[in-house]
Amino acid sequence: MRTLKSVKTGETVKVKKIAGAGALKRRIMDMGITKGVEIFIRKVAPLGDPIEVTVRGYELSLRKEDADIIEVE
């Protein structure tokens, strides 16, 4: 299982599954991250948190703990 947290800068991946539940999963889905969507990793902060990504044409920052529940391929 590969998560968004482990993806390197400059890579584009496709969301396979969101593993969380309840409010956290709903918040991630409300940001436009749903099954099948492509995510481009723009950059990672010097200490690794947050991760800046491009989803559906807009830029978004995610915490590492949120990125860890997003399974990608």
C-alpha atoms as a PDB file:
ATOM      1  CA  MET A   1       0.000   0.000   0.000  1.00  0.00           C
ATOM      2  CA  ARG A   2       1.398   3.371  -1.067  1.00  0.00           C
ATOM      3  CA  THR A   3       0.066   6.561   0.477  1.00  0.00           C
ATOM      4  CA  LEU A   4       0.214  10.179  -0.669  1.00  0.00           C
ATOM      5  CA  LYS A   5       2.643  10.867   2.185  1.00  0.00           C
ATOM      6  CA  SER A   6       5.316   8.673   0.522  1.00  0.00           C
ATOM      7  CA  VAL A   7       5.071  10.242  -2.973  1.00  0.00           C
ATOM      8  CA  LYS A   8       8.063  12.315  -4.137  1.00  0.00           C
ATOM      9  CA  THR A   9       7.948  15.907  -5.405  1.00  0.00           C
ATOM     10  CA  GLY A  10       7.125  16.160  -9.124  1.00  0.00           C
ATOM     11  CA  GLU A  11       5.172  12.900  -9.294  1.00  0.00           C
ATOM     12  CA  THR A  12       1.568  12.571 -10.413  1.00  0.00           C
ATOM     13  CA  VAL A  13      -0.502   9.833  -8.807  1.00  0.00           C
ATOM     14  CA  LYS A  14      -4.106   8.627  -8.908  1.00  0.00           C
ATOM     15  CA  VAL A  15      -6.221   8.230  -5.760  1.00  0.00           C
ATOM     16  CA  LYS A  16      -7.136   4.598  -5.160  1.00  0.00           C
ATOM     17  CA  LYS A  17      -8.898   4.870  -1.793  1.00  0.00           C
ATOM     18  CA  ILE A  18      -9.385   7.166   1.203  1.00  0.00           C
ATOM     19  CA  ALA A  19      -8.890   5.066   4.332  1.00  0.00           C
ATOM     20  CA  GLY A  20     -10.208   7.458   6.988  1.00  0.00           C
ATOM     21  CA  ALA A  21     -13.715   7.644   8.368  1.00  0.00           C
ATOM     22  CA  GLY A  22     -16.186  10.245   9.552  1.00  0.00           C
ATOM     23  CA  ALA A  23     -15.377  13.949   9.557  1.00  0.00           C
ATOM     24  CA  LEU A  24     -11.769  13.589   8.381  1.00  0.00           C
ATOM     25  CA  LYS A  25     -12.741  11.557   5.302  1.00  0.00           C
ATOM     26  CA  ARG A  26     -15.584  13.976   4.533  1.00  0.00           C
ATOM     27  CA  ARG A  27     -13.233  16.999   4.805  1.00  0.00           C
ATOM     28  CA  ILE A  28     -10.723  15.430   2.400  1.00  0.00           C
ATOM     29  CA  MET A  29     -13.488  14.580  -0.068  1.00  0.00           C
ATOM     30  CA  ASP A  30     -14.871  18.132   0.207  1.00  0.00           C
ATOM     31  CA  MET A  31     -11.441  19.408  -0.896  1.00  0.00           C
ATOM     32  CA  GLY A  32     -11.906  17.520  -4.175  1.00  0.00           C
ATOM     33  CA  ILE A  33      -9.793  14.472  -3.368  1.00  0.00           C
ATOM     34  CA  THR A  34     -11.946  11.525  -4.400  1.00  0.00           C
ATOM     35  CA  LYS A  35     -11.324   8.074  -5.858  1.00  0.00           C
ATOM     36  CA  GLY A  36      -9.807   8.237  -9.352  1.00  0.00           C
ATOM     37  CA  VAL A  37      -8.666  11.887  -9.249  1.00  0.00           C
ATOM     38  CA  GLU A  38      -5.071  12.706 -10.202  1.00  0.00           C
ATOM     39  CA  ILE A  39      -2.850  14.545  -7.724  1.00  0.00           C
ATOM     40  CA  PHE A  40       0.430  16.280  -8.637  1.00  0.00           C
ATOM     41  CA  ILE A  41       2.916  16.787  -5.793  1.00  0.00           C
ATOM     42  CA  ARG A  42       4.174  20.375  -6.199  1.00  0.00           C
ATOM     43  CA  LYS A  43       6.469  20.665  -3.207  1.00  0.00           C
ATOM     44  CA  VAL A  44       7.079  19.530   0.342  1.00  0.00           C
ATOM     45  CA  ALA A  45       7.961  21.929   3.169  1.00  0.00           C
ATOM     46  CA  PRO A  46      11.556  21.717   4.476  1.00  0.00           C
ATOM     47  CA  LEU A  47      10.511  19.755   7.569  1.00  0.00           C
ATOM     48  CA  GLY A  48       8.112  17.602   5.531  1.00  0.00           C
ATOM     49  CA  ASP A  49       4.853  19.137   6.687  1.00  0.00           C
ATOM     50  CA  PRO A  50       2.700  20.344   4.879  1.00  0.00           C
ATOM     51  CA  ILE A  51       2.677  18.880   1.378  1.00  0.00           C
ATOM     52  CA  GLU A  52       1.560  21.185  -1.448  1.00  0.00           C
ATOM     53  CA  VAL A  53      -0.413  19.439  -4.211  1.00  0.00           C
ATOM     54  CA  THR A  54      -2.422  20.316  -7.306  1.00  0.00           C
ATOM     55  CA  VAL A  55      -5.881  18.707  -7.475  1.00  0.00           C
ATOM     56  CA  ARG A  56      -8.504  19.411 -10.141  1.00  0.00           C
ATOM     57  CA  GLY A  57      -6.633  22.536 -11.272  1.00  0.00           C
ATOM     58  CA  TYR A  58      -6.181  24.217  -7.893  1.00  0.00           C
ATOM     59  CA  GLU A  59      -3.437  24.184  -5.274  1.00  0.00           C
ATOM     60  CA  LEU A  60      -3.949  22.638  -1.872  1.00  0.00           C
ATOM     61  CA  SER A  61      -1.806  22.082   1.222  1.00  0.00           C
ATOM     62  CA  LEU A  62      -2.223  18.864   3.190  1.00  0.00           C
ATOM     63  CA  ARG A  63      -0.835  17.814   6.529  1.00  0.00           C
ATOM     64  CA  LYS A  64       1.259  14.646   6.535  1.00  0.00           C
ATOM     65  CA  GLU A  65      -1.229  12.855   8.773  1.00  0.00           C
ATOM     66  CA  ASP A  66      -4.045  13.618   6.296  1.00  0.00           C
ATOM     67  CA  ALA A  67      -1.900  12.536   3.332  1.00  0.00           C
ATOM     68  CA  ASP A  68      -1.175   9.251   5.096  1.00  0.00           C
ATOM     69  CA  ILE A  69      -4.796   8.050   4.813  1.00  0.00           C
ATOM     70  CA  ILE A  70      -4.964   8.686   1.046  1.00  0.00           C
ATOM     71  CA  GLU A  71      -4.002   5.493  -0.801  1.00  0.00           C
ATOM     72  CA  VAL A  72      -2.576   6.097  -4.291  1.00  0.00           C
ATOM     73  CA  GLU A  73      -1.336   4.136  -7.312  1.00  0.00           C
END
